[in-house]
């Protein structure tokens, strides 16, 4: 069984229909819509398909919302669970193909497909585990050459994004995960209200299984980069990044150094 969850917050119903239609026309058997809005006006979406389970929740954050869906997946005995952003969509049998990939690689706990902008350009969402400079420097040092050099290594541009590879940090916009692994790591860390919760989860999954990039499946992502446009979202982003480094280590993080070293060595061998 494959289940999925979408967390919404005052999202327009018509904006959600695209990803909902993708999900209900796939092999996803249950789609949990976790609505963190102050009202339940999105409850009408449950009438779109019998696959949809609508849950109105207090707004305790993005990861907390998805944990509701993850706990339901565990209760249902699902094999895989997919975390979806509201602005994701796909045009083919993405879920079925990713299920087959995971069936073939039982040591893989998380896989992310190729993520493209709607115009077809690659979104560079395969990353090393970040240092403080990776996150703060590229955001607040407006020097183009520095940012390009930093991104080439940190976002693994040199790989071409055209091969299956093990990557220590994958985006939370589309996370296809093995439920028994999610159960072992207890889902998202709910101390992160918004942002960095995907990085933290991917890192914890990577400690007990593989986290893989599979470019043979393509999904599209609007990728609004809200924290670049909204000061409130920027505040959430900065607070979450600080919590992440407080949890894992700022300068002295031996596990980060080793995983990044192993990742780069493996990828450079494939060139």
C-alpha atoms as a PDB file:
ATOM      1  CA  UNK A   1       0.000   0.000   0.000  1.00  0.00           C
ATOM      2  CA  UNK A   2       1.136   3.519  -0.847  1.00  0.00           C
ATOM      3  CA  UNK A   3      -0.235   6.481   1.102  1.00  0.00           C
ATOM      4  CA  UNK A   4       0.522  10.182   0.787  1.00  0.00           C
ATOM      5  CA  UNK A   5       0.010  13.434   2.639  1.00  0.00           C
ATOM      6  CA  UNK A   6      -0.292  17.098   1.728  1.00  0.00           C
ATOM      7  CA  UNK A   7      -0.174  19.838   4.364  1.00  0.00           C
ATOM      8  CA  UNK A   8      -2.115  22.974   3.541  1.00  0.00           C
ATOM      9  CA  UNK A   9      -2.430  26.407   5.108  1.00  0.00           C
ATOM     10  CA  UNK A  10      -5.124  28.629   3.605  1.00  0.00           C
ATOM     11  CA  UNK A  11      -4.269  27.224   0.193  1.00  0.00           C
ATOM     12  CA  UNK A  12      -6.841  27.897  -2.523  1.00  0.00           C
ATOM     13  CA  UNK A  13      -8.808  24.757  -3.350  1.00  0.00           C
ATOM     14  CA  UNK A  14      -8.323  25.216  -7.095  1.00  0.00           C
ATOM     15  CA  UNK A  15      -4.540  25.345  -6.568  1.00  0.00           C
ATOM     16  CA  UNK A  16      -4.635  21.973  -4.815  1.00  0.00           C
ATOM     17  CA  UNK A  17      -6.661  20.178  -7.453  1.00  0.00           C
ATOM     18  CA  UNK A  18      -3.672  19.614  -9.742  1.00  0.00           C
ATOM     19  CA  UNK A  19      -1.620  17.629  -7.215  1.00  0.00           C
ATOM     20  CA  UNK A  20      -4.753  15.935  -5.848  1.00  0.00           C
ATOM     21  CA  UNK A  21      -5.679  14.712  -9.312  1.00  0.00           C
ATOM     22  CA  UNK A  22      -2.144  13.398  -9.836  1.00  0.00           C
ATOM     23  CA  UNK A  23      -2.336  11.497  -6.553  1.00  0.00           C
ATOM     24  CA  UNK A  24      -5.819  10.007  -6.898  1.00  0.00           C
ATOM     25  CA  UNK A  25      -5.119   8.841 -10.457  1.00  0.00           C
ATOM     26  CA  UNK A  26      -1.998   7.000  -9.329  1.00  0.00           C
ATOM     27  CA  UNK A  27      -1.509   3.875  -7.221  1.00  0.00           C
ATOM     28  CA  UNK A  28      -1.684   5.976  -4.047  1.00  0.00           C
ATOM     29  CA  UNK A  29      -4.502   4.348  -2.096  1.00  0.00           C
ATOM     30  CA  UNK A  30      -5.055   6.997   0.578  1.00  0.00           C
ATOM     31  CA  UNK A  31      -4.294  10.710   0.301  1.00  0.00           C
ATOM     32  CA  UNK A  32      -4.332  12.554   3.619  1.00  0.00           C
ATOM     33  CA  UNK A  33      -5.001  16.272   3.332  1.00  0.00           C
ATOM     34  CA  UNK A  34      -3.815  17.782   6.605  1.00  0.00           C
ATOM     35  CA  UNK A  35      -5.321  21.251   6.792  1.00  0.00           C
ATOM     36  CA  UNK A  36      -3.528  23.616   9.185  1.00  0.00           C
ATOM     37  CA  UNK A  37      -5.816  26.512   8.242  1.00  0.00           C
ATOM     38  CA  UNK A  38      -7.846  28.425  10.829  1.00  0.00           C
ATOM     39  CA  UNK A  39     -11.053  27.147   9.176  1.00  0.00           C
ATOM     40  CA  UNK A  40     -12.100  23.946   7.424  1.00  0.00           C
ATOM     41  CA  UNK A  41     -13.228  25.423   4.121  1.00  0.00           C
ATOM     42  CA  UNK A  42     -11.074  22.862   2.284  1.00  0.00           C
ATOM     43  CA  UNK A  43     -13.180  20.006   3.675  1.00  0.00           C
ATOM     44  CA  UNK A  44     -15.076  19.981   0.370  1.00  0.00           C
ATOM     45  CA  UNK A  45     -11.990  18.460  -1.271  1.00  0.00           C
ATOM     46  CA  UNK A  46     -12.794  15.078   0.255  1.00  0.00           C
ATOM     47  CA  UNK A  47     -15.617  14.823  -2.283  1.00  0.00           C
ATOM     48  CA  UNK A  48     -13.104  14.774  -5.160  1.00  0.00           C
ATOM     49  CA  UNK A  49     -12.264  11.107  -4.546  1.00  0.00           C
ATOM     50  CA  UNK A  50     -12.958   8.335  -2.083  1.00  0.00           C
ATOM     51  CA  UNK A  51      -9.190   8.058  -1.689  1.00  0.00           C
ATOM     52  CA  UNK A  52      -9.056  11.403   0.138  1.00  0.00           C
ATOM     53  CA  UNK A  53      -9.101  11.673   3.917  1.00  0.00           C
ATOM     54  CA  UNK A  54      -9.436  15.258   5.111  1.00  0.00           C
ATOM     55  CA  UNK A  55      -8.086  16.141   8.563  1.00  0.00           C
ATOM     56  CA  UNK A  56      -8.416  19.617  10.031  1.00  0.00           C
ATOM     57  CA  UNK A  57      -5.573  20.248  12.479  1.00  0.00           C
ATOM     58  CA  UNK A  58      -4.158  22.916  14.737  1.00  0.00           C
ATOM     59  CA  UNK A  59      -1.278  24.663  12.999  1.00  0.00           C
ATOM     60  CA  UNK A  60       1.695  23.135  14.812  1.00  0.00           C
ATOM     61  CA  UNK A  61       3.901  23.314  11.746  1.00  0.00           C
ATOM     62  CA  UNK A  62       4.650  21.607   8.436  1.00  0.00           C
ATOM     63  CA  UNK A  63       6.421  18.560   9.843  1.00  0.00           C
ATOM     64  CA  UNK A  64       3.840  18.149  12.593  1.00  0.00           C
ATOM     65  CA  UNK A  65       1.089  18.128   9.969  1.00  0.00           C
ATOM     66  CA  UNK A  66       2.812  15.470   7.871  1.00  0.00           C
ATOM     67  CA  UNK A  67       3.405  13.383  10.987  1.00  0.00           C
ATOM     68  CA  UNK A  68      -0.363  12.982  11.250  1.00  0.00           C
ATOM     69  CA  UNK A  69      -0.330  11.376   7.806  1.00  0.00           C
ATOM     70  CA  UNK A  70       2.755   9.318   8.646  1.00  0.00           C
ATOM     71  CA  UNK A  71       1.140   7.948  11.808  1.00  0.00           C
ATOM     72  CA  UNK A  72      -1.954   7.029   9.781  1.00  0.00           C
ATOM     73  CA  UNK A  73       0.273   5.254   7.240  1.00  0.00           C
ATOM     74  CA  UNK A  74       1.874   3.239  10.035  1.00  0.00           C
ATOM     75  CA  UNK A  75      -1.560   2.345  11.443  1.00  0.00           C
ATOM     76  CA  UNK A  76      -2.769   1.233   8.002  1.00  0.00           C
ATOM     77  CA  UNK A  77       0.280  -0.949   7.484  1.00  0.00           C
ATOM     78  CA  UNK A  78       1.344   0.958   4.381  1.00  0.00           C
ATOM     79  CA  UNK A  79       4.600   0.012   2.683  1.00  0.00           C
ATOM     80  CA  UNK A  80       5.426   3.465   1.333  1.00  0.00           C
ATOM     81  CA  UNK A  81       4.386   6.997   2.198  1.00  0.00           C
ATOM     82  CA  UNK A  82       4.833  10.069   0.005  1.00  0.00           C
ATOM     83  CA  UNK A  83       5.209  13.597   1.374  1.00  0.00           C
ATOM     84  CA  UNK A  84       3.946  16.061  -1.236  1.00  0.00           C
ATOM     85  CA  UNK A  85       4.076  19.844  -1.496  1.00  0.00           C
ATOM     86  CA  UNK A  86       0.865  21.480  -2.723  1.00  0.00           C
ATOM     87  CA  UNK A  87       2.719  22.867  -5.781  1.00  0.00           C
ATOM     88  CA  UNK A  88       3.942  19.493  -7.101  1.00  0.00           C
ATOM     89  CA  UNK A  89       2.557  17.675 -10.141  1.00  0.00           C
ATOM     90  CA  UNK A  90       3.545  14.924 -12.562  1.00  0.00           C
ATOM     91  CA  UNK A  91       2.386  13.586 -15.916  1.00  0.00           C
ATOM     92  CA  UNK A  92       3.191   9.869 -15.891  1.00  0.00           C
ATOM     93  CA  UNK A  93       3.376   6.803 -13.699  1.00  0.00           C
ATOM     94  CA  UNK A  94       5.756   8.380 -11.195  1.00  0.00           C
ATOM     95  CA  UNK A  95       4.360   6.640  -8.109  1.00  0.00           C
ATOM     96  CA  UNK A  96       4.285   3.215  -9.730  1.00  0.00           C
ATOM     97  CA  UNK A  97       7.873   3.546 -11.016  1.00  0.00           C
ATOM     98  CA  UNK A  98       9.208   4.750  -7.675  1.00  0.00           C
ATOM     99  CA  UNK A  99       7.424   1.870  -5.946  1.00  0.00           C
ATOM    100  CA  UNK A 100       9.199  -0.579  -8.250  1.00  0.00           C
ATOM    101  CA  UNK A 101      12.522   1.127  -7.587  1.00  0.00           C
ATOM    102  CA  UNK A 102      12.046   0.829  -3.830  1.00  0.00           C
ATOM    103  CA  UNK A 103      10.920  -2.796  -4.205  1.00  0.00           C
ATOM    104  CA  UNK A 104      14.225  -3.484  -5.961  1.00  0.00           C
ATOM    105  CA  UNK A 105      16.344  -1.673  -3.349  1.00  0.00           C
ATOM    106  CA  UNK A 106      15.188  -2.770   0.116  1.00  0.00           C
ATOM    107  CA  UNK A 107      18.110  -0.907   1.724  1.00  0.00           C
ATOM    108  CA  UNK A 108      16.742   2.409   0.420  1.00  0.00           C
ATOM    109  CA  UNK A 109      14.579   4.332   2.896  1.00  0.00           C
ATOM    110  CA  UNK A 110      13.961   7.478   0.855  1.00  0.00           C
ATOM    111  CA  UNK A 111      14.019   8.298  -2.830  1.00  0.00           C
ATOM    112  CA  UNK A 112      13.538  11.636  -4.572  1.00  0.00           C
ATOM    113  CA  UNK A 113      12.858  11.852  -8.317  1.00  0.00           C
ATOM    114  CA  UNK A 114      14.167  14.453 -10.737  1.00  0.00           C
ATOM    115  CA  UNK A 115      12.543  17.782  -9.811  1.00  0.00           C
ATOM    116  CA  UNK A 116      12.041  20.274 -12.631  1.00  0.00           C
ATOM    117  CA  UNK A 117      10.676  23.784 -12.896  1.00  0.00           C
ATOM    118  CA  UNK A 118       7.518  23.984 -15.041  1.00  0.00           C
ATOM    119  CA  UNK A 119       9.703  25.242 -17.927  1.00  0.00           C
ATOM    120  CA  UNK A 120      11.764  22.037 -17.768  1.00  0.00           C
ATOM    121  CA  UNK A 121      14.886  23.414 -16.086  1.00  0.00           C
ATOM    122  CA  UNK A 122      16.512  21.320 -13.352  1.00  0.00           C
ATOM    123  CA  UNK A 123      15.987  22.243  -9.716  1.00  0.00           C
ATOM    124  CA  UNK A 124      19.259  21.497  -7.956  1.00  0.00           C
ATOM    125  CA  UNK A 125      17.835  19.843  -4.853  1.00  0.00           C
ATOM    126  CA  UNK A 126      20.432  17.113  -4.298  1.00  0.00           C
ATOM    127  CA  UNK A 127      22.766  18.462  -1.651  1.00  0.00           C
ATOM    128  CA  UNK A 128      25.522  17.666   0.767  1.00  0.00           C
ATOM    129  CA  UNK A 129      24.849  18.053   4.464  1.00  0.00           C
ATOM    130  CA  UNK A 130      25.255  21.814   4.920  1.00  0.00           C
ATOM    131  CA  UNK A 131      27.825  23.743   6.860  1.00  0.00           C
ATOM    132  CA  UNK A 132      26.710  27.088   8.337  1.00  0.00           C
ATOM    133  CA  UNK A 133      28.474  28.830   5.443  1.00  0.00           C
ATOM    134  CA  UNK A 134      26.554  26.743   2.899  1.00  0.00           C
ATOM    135  CA  UNK A 135      23.254  28.062   4.230  1.00  0.00           C
ATOM    136  CA  UNK A 136      24.080  31.531   5.534  1.00  0.00           C
ATOM    137  CA  UNK A 137      26.857  32.426   3.112  1.00  0.00           C
ATOM    138  CA  UNK A 138      24.988  31.710  -0.099  1.00  0.00           C
ATOM    139  CA  UNK A 139      22.000  33.635   1.222  1.00  0.00           C
ATOM    140  CA  UNK A 140      23.717  36.736   2.561  1.00  0.00           C
ATOM    141  CA  UNK A 141      26.960  37.046   0.544  1.00  0.00           C
ATOM    142  CA  UNK A 142      25.792  38.580  -2.768  1.00  0.00           C
ATOM    143  CA  UNK A 143      28.918  37.708  -4.751  1.00  0.00           C
ATOM    144  CA  UNK A 144      27.969  35.783  -7.859  1.00  0.00           C
ATOM    145  CA  UNK A 145      31.272  33.912  -8.310  1.00  0.00           C
ATOM    146  CA  UNK A 146      31.220  32.814  -4.675  1.00  0.00           C
ATOM    147  CA  UNK A 147      27.615  31.648  -4.912  1.00  0.00           C
ATOM    148  CA  UNK A 148      28.243  29.732  -8.149  1.00  0.00           C
ATOM    149  CA  UNK A 149      31.348  27.999  -6.781  1.00  0.00           C
ATOM    150  CA  UNK A 150      29.561  27.145  -3.542  1.00  0.00           C
ATOM    151  CA  UNK A 151      26.486  25.814  -5.355  1.00  0.00           C
ATOM    152  CA  UNK A 152      28.501  23.639  -7.746  1.00  0.00           C
ATOM    153  CA  UNK A 153      29.860  21.629  -4.818  1.00  0.00           C
ATOM    154  CA  UNK A 154      27.050  21.901  -2.276  1.00  0.00           C
ATOM    155  CA  UNK A 155      24.253  21.201  -4.792  1.00  0.00           C
ATOM    156  CA  UNK A 156      26.353  18.646  -6.698  1.00  0.00           C
ATOM    157  CA  UNK A 157      25.967  20.392 -10.066  1.00  0.00           C
ATOM    158  CA  UNK A 158      29.011  18.528 -11.403  1.00  0.00           C
ATOM    159  CA  UNK A 159      27.069  15.243 -11.406  1.00  0.00           C
ATOM    160  CA  UNK A 160      24.794  16.396 -14.225  1.00  0.00           C
ATOM    161  CA  UNK A 161      21.751  15.105 -12.307  1.00  0.00           C
ATOM    162  CA  UNK A 162      21.457  12.312 -14.854  1.00  0.00           C
ATOM    163  CA  UNK A 163      22.289   9.195 -12.838  1.00  0.00           C
ATOM    164  CA  UNK A 164      21.039   7.291  -9.817  1.00  0.00           C
ATOM    165  CA  UNK A 165      23.056   8.378  -6.796  1.00  0.00           C
ATOM    166  CA  UNK A 166      23.087   8.291  -3.032  1.00  0.00           C
ATOM    167  CA  UNK A 167      22.740  11.826  -1.677  1.00  0.00           C
ATOM    168  CA  UNK A 168      22.765  12.862   2.000  1.00  0.00           C
ATOM    169  CA  UNK A 169      20.228  15.695   1.690  1.00  0.00           C
ATOM    170  CA  UNK A 170      17.115  15.602  -0.523  1.00  0.00           C
ATOM    171  CA  UNK A 171      14.267  18.086  -0.788  1.00  0.00           C
ATOM    172  CA  UNK A 172      11.040  17.763   1.168  1.00  0.00           C
ATOM    173  CA  UNK A 173       8.906  18.854  -1.782  1.00  0.00           C
ATOM    174  CA  UNK A 174       8.543  15.185  -2.841  1.00  0.00           C
ATOM    175  CA  UNK A 175       9.755  12.473  -0.450  1.00  0.00           C
ATOM    176  CA  UNK A 176       8.947   8.847  -1.292  1.00  0.00           C
ATOM    177  CA  UNK A 177       9.717   6.906   1.898  1.00  0.00           C
ATOM    178  CA  UNK A 178       9.619   3.409   3.325  1.00  0.00           C
ATOM    179  CA  UNK A 179       7.106   3.372   6.200  1.00  0.00           C
ATOM    180  CA  UNK A 180       9.017   0.987   8.449  1.00  0.00           C
ATOM    181  CA  UNK A 181      12.005   3.372   8.260  1.00  0.00           C
ATOM    182  CA  UNK A 182       9.756   6.347   9.051  1.00  0.00           C
ATOM    183  CA  UNK A 183       8.486   4.434  12.060  1.00  0.00           C
ATOM    184  CA  UNK A 184      12.030   3.823  13.290  1.00  0.00           C
ATOM    185  CA  UNK A 185      13.009   7.503  13.061  1.00  0.00           C
ATOM    186  CA  UNK A 186       9.593   8.726  14.358  1.00  0.00           C
ATOM    187  CA  UNK A 187       8.873  10.932  11.344  1.00  0.00           C
ATOM    188  CA  UNK A 188       9.619  14.643  11.305  1.00  0.00           C
ATOM    189  CA  UNK A 189      11.147  16.377  14.317  1.00  0.00           C
ATOM    190  CA  UNK A 190       8.278  18.651  15.391  1.00  0.00           C
ATOM    191  CA  UNK A 191      10.637  21.195  16.936  1.00  0.00           C
ATOM    192  CA  UNK A 192      11.041  22.533  13.397  1.00  0.00           C
ATOM    193  CA  UNK A 193       7.915  24.585  12.674  1.00  0.00           C
ATOM    194  CA  UNK A 194       8.766  25.228   9.039  1.00  0.00           C
ATOM    195  CA  UNK A 195      11.961  24.741   6.970  1.00  0.00           C
ATOM    196  CA  UNK A 196      14.941  22.415   7.677  1.00  0.00           C
ATOM    197  CA  UNK A 197      12.594  19.647   8.847  1.00  0.00           C
ATOM    198  CA  UNK A 198      13.220  17.806   5.563  1.00  0.00           C
ATOM    199  CA  UNK A 199      16.991  18.150   5.912  1.00  0.00           C
ATOM    200  CA  UNK A 200      16.809  16.801   9.463  1.00  0.00           C
ATOM    201  CA  UNK A 201      14.555  13.882   8.487  1.00  0.00           C
ATOM    202  CA  UNK A 202      16.670  12.965   5.464  1.00  0.00           C
ATOM    203  CA  UNK A 203      19.767  12.969   7.646  1.00  0.00           C
ATOM    204  CA  UNK A 204      18.181  10.676  10.250  1.00  0.00           C
ATOM    205  CA  UNK A 205      16.880   8.311   7.565  1.00  0.00           C
ATOM    206  CA  UNK A 206      20.365   8.285   6.029  1.00  0.00           C
ATOM    207  CA  UNK A 207      21.847   7.019   9.275  1.00  0.00           C
ATOM    208  CA  UNK A 208      19.910   3.728   9.023  1.00  0.00           C
ATOM    209  CA  UNK A 209      19.254   3.341   5.273  1.00  0.00           C
ATOM    210  CA  UNK A 210      20.103   4.854   1.902  1.00  0.00           C
ATOM    211  CA  UNK A 211      18.708   8.155   0.639  1.00  0.00           C
ATOM    212  CA  UNK A 212      18.652   8.041  -3.155  1.00  0.00           C
ATOM    213  CA  UNK A 213      18.101  10.282  -6.177  1.00  0.00           C
ATOM    214  CA  UNK A 214      16.340   8.597  -9.107  1.00  0.00           C
ATOM    215  CA  UNK A 215      16.248  10.854 -12.213  1.00  0.00           C
ATOM    216  CA  UNK A 216      14.339   8.418 -14.427  1.00  0.00           C
ATOM    217  CA  UNK A 217      11.138   9.754 -12.822  1.00  0.00           C
ATOM    218  CA  UNK A 218      10.293  13.428 -13.303  1.00  0.00           C
ATOM    219  CA  UNK A 219       7.970  15.643 -11.279  1.00  0.00           C
ATOM    220  CA  UNK A 220       7.393  19.377 -11.570  1.00  0.00           C
ATOM    221  CA  UNK A 221       7.592  21.912  -8.762  1.00  0.00           C
ATOM    222  CA  UNK A 222       6.580  25.566  -8.830  1.00  0.00           C
ATOM    223  CA  UNK A 223       9.164  26.345  -6.078  1.00  0.00           C
ATOM    224  CA  UNK A 224       8.098  29.776  -4.897  1.00  0.00           C
ATOM    225  CA  UNK A 225      11.026  30.266  -2.467  1.00  0.00           C
ATOM    226  CA  UNK A 226       8.703  32.016  -0.047  1.00  0.00           C
ATOM    227  CA  UNK A 227      11.408  32.943   2.461  1.00  0.00           C
ATOM    228  CA  UNK A 228      13.125  35.026  -0.225  1.00  0.00           C
ATOM    229  CA  UNK A 229       9.998  37.177  -0.578  1.00  0.00           C
ATOM    230  CA  UNK A 230       8.363  37.227   2.849  1.00  0.00           C
ATOM    231  CA  UNK A 231      10.071  38.465   6.020  1.00  0.00           C
ATOM    232  CA  UNK A 232       7.913  36.288   8.264  1.00  0.00           C
ATOM    233  CA  UNK A 233       8.889  33.181   6.321  1.00  0.00           C
ATOM    234  CA  UNK A 234      12.522  34.294   6.379  1.00  0.00           C
ATOM    235  CA  UNK A 235      12.303  34.465  10.173  1.00  0.00           C
ATOM    236  CA  UNK A 236      10.909  30.909  10.295  1.00  0.00           C
ATOM    237  CA  UNK A 237      13.693  29.775   7.964  1.00  0.00           C
ATOM    238  CA  UNK A 238      16.484  31.326  10.033  1.00  0.00           C
ATOM    239  CA  UNK A 239      15.054  29.988  13.304  1.00  0.00           C
ATOM    240  CA  UNK A 240      14.858  26.476  11.852  1.00  0.00           C
ATOM    241  CA  UNK A 241      18.402  26.587  10.486  1.00  0.00           C
ATOM    242  CA  UNK A 242      19.682  27.686  13.901  1.00  0.00           C
ATOM    243  CA  UNK A 243      17.764  24.814  15.521  1.00  0.00           C
ATOM    244  CA  UNK A 244      19.276  22.414  12.996  1.00  0.00           C
ATOM    245  CA  UNK A 245      22.859  23.440  13.768  1.00  0.00           C
ATOM    246  CA  UNK A 246      22.167  23.510  17.492  1.00  0.00           C
ATOM    247  CA  UNK A 247      20.988  19.916  17.161  1.00  0.00           C
ATOM    248  CA  UNK A 248      23.699  18.518  14.889  1.00  0.00           C
ATOM    249  CA  UNK A 249      26.649  20.844  15.432  1.00  0.00           C
ATOM    250  CA  UNK A 250      27.852  24.092  13.935  1.00  0.00           C
ATOM    251  CA  UNK A 251      31.568  23.734  13.188  1.00  0.00           C
ATOM    252  CA  UNK A 252      32.381  20.372  14.751  1.00  0.00           C
ATOM    253  CA  UNK A 253      30.108  17.798  13.114  1.00  0.00           C
ATOM    254  CA  UNK A 254      32.152  14.670  12.417  1.00  0.00           C
ATOM    255  CA  UNK A 255      29.208  12.761  10.956  1.00  0.00           C
ATOM    256  CA  UNK A 256      28.552  15.562   8.454  1.00  0.00           C
ATOM    257  CA  UNK A 257      32.196  15.623   7.405  1.00  0.00           C
ATOM    258  CA  UNK A 258      32.322  11.861   6.903  1.00  0.00           C
ATOM    259  CA  UNK A 259      29.045  11.564   5.006  1.00  0.00           C
ATOM    260  CA  UNK A 260      29.941  14.433   2.689  1.00  0.00           C
ATOM    261  CA  UNK A 261      33.405  12.970   2.100  1.00  0.00           C
ATOM    262  CA  UNK A 262      31.950   9.539   1.294  1.00  0.00           C
ATOM    263  CA  UNK A 263      29.303  11.059  -0.993  1.00  0.00           C
ATOM    264  CA  UNK A 264      31.797  13.131  -2.984  1.00  0.00           C
ATOM    265  CA  UNK A 265      34.226  10.237  -3.315  1.00  0.00           C
ATOM    266  CA  UNK A 266      31.499   7.953  -4.659  1.00  0.00           C
ATOM    267  CA  UNK A 267      30.158  10.552  -7.091  1.00  0.00           C
ATOM    268  CA  UNK A 268      33.570  11.575  -8.402  1.00  0.00           C
ATOM    269  CA  UNK A 269      34.271   7.911  -9.183  1.00  0.00           C
ATOM    270  CA  UNK A 270      31.205   7.828 -11.442  1.00  0.00           C
ATOM    271  CA  UNK A 271      32.304  10.825 -13.552  1.00  0.00           C
END
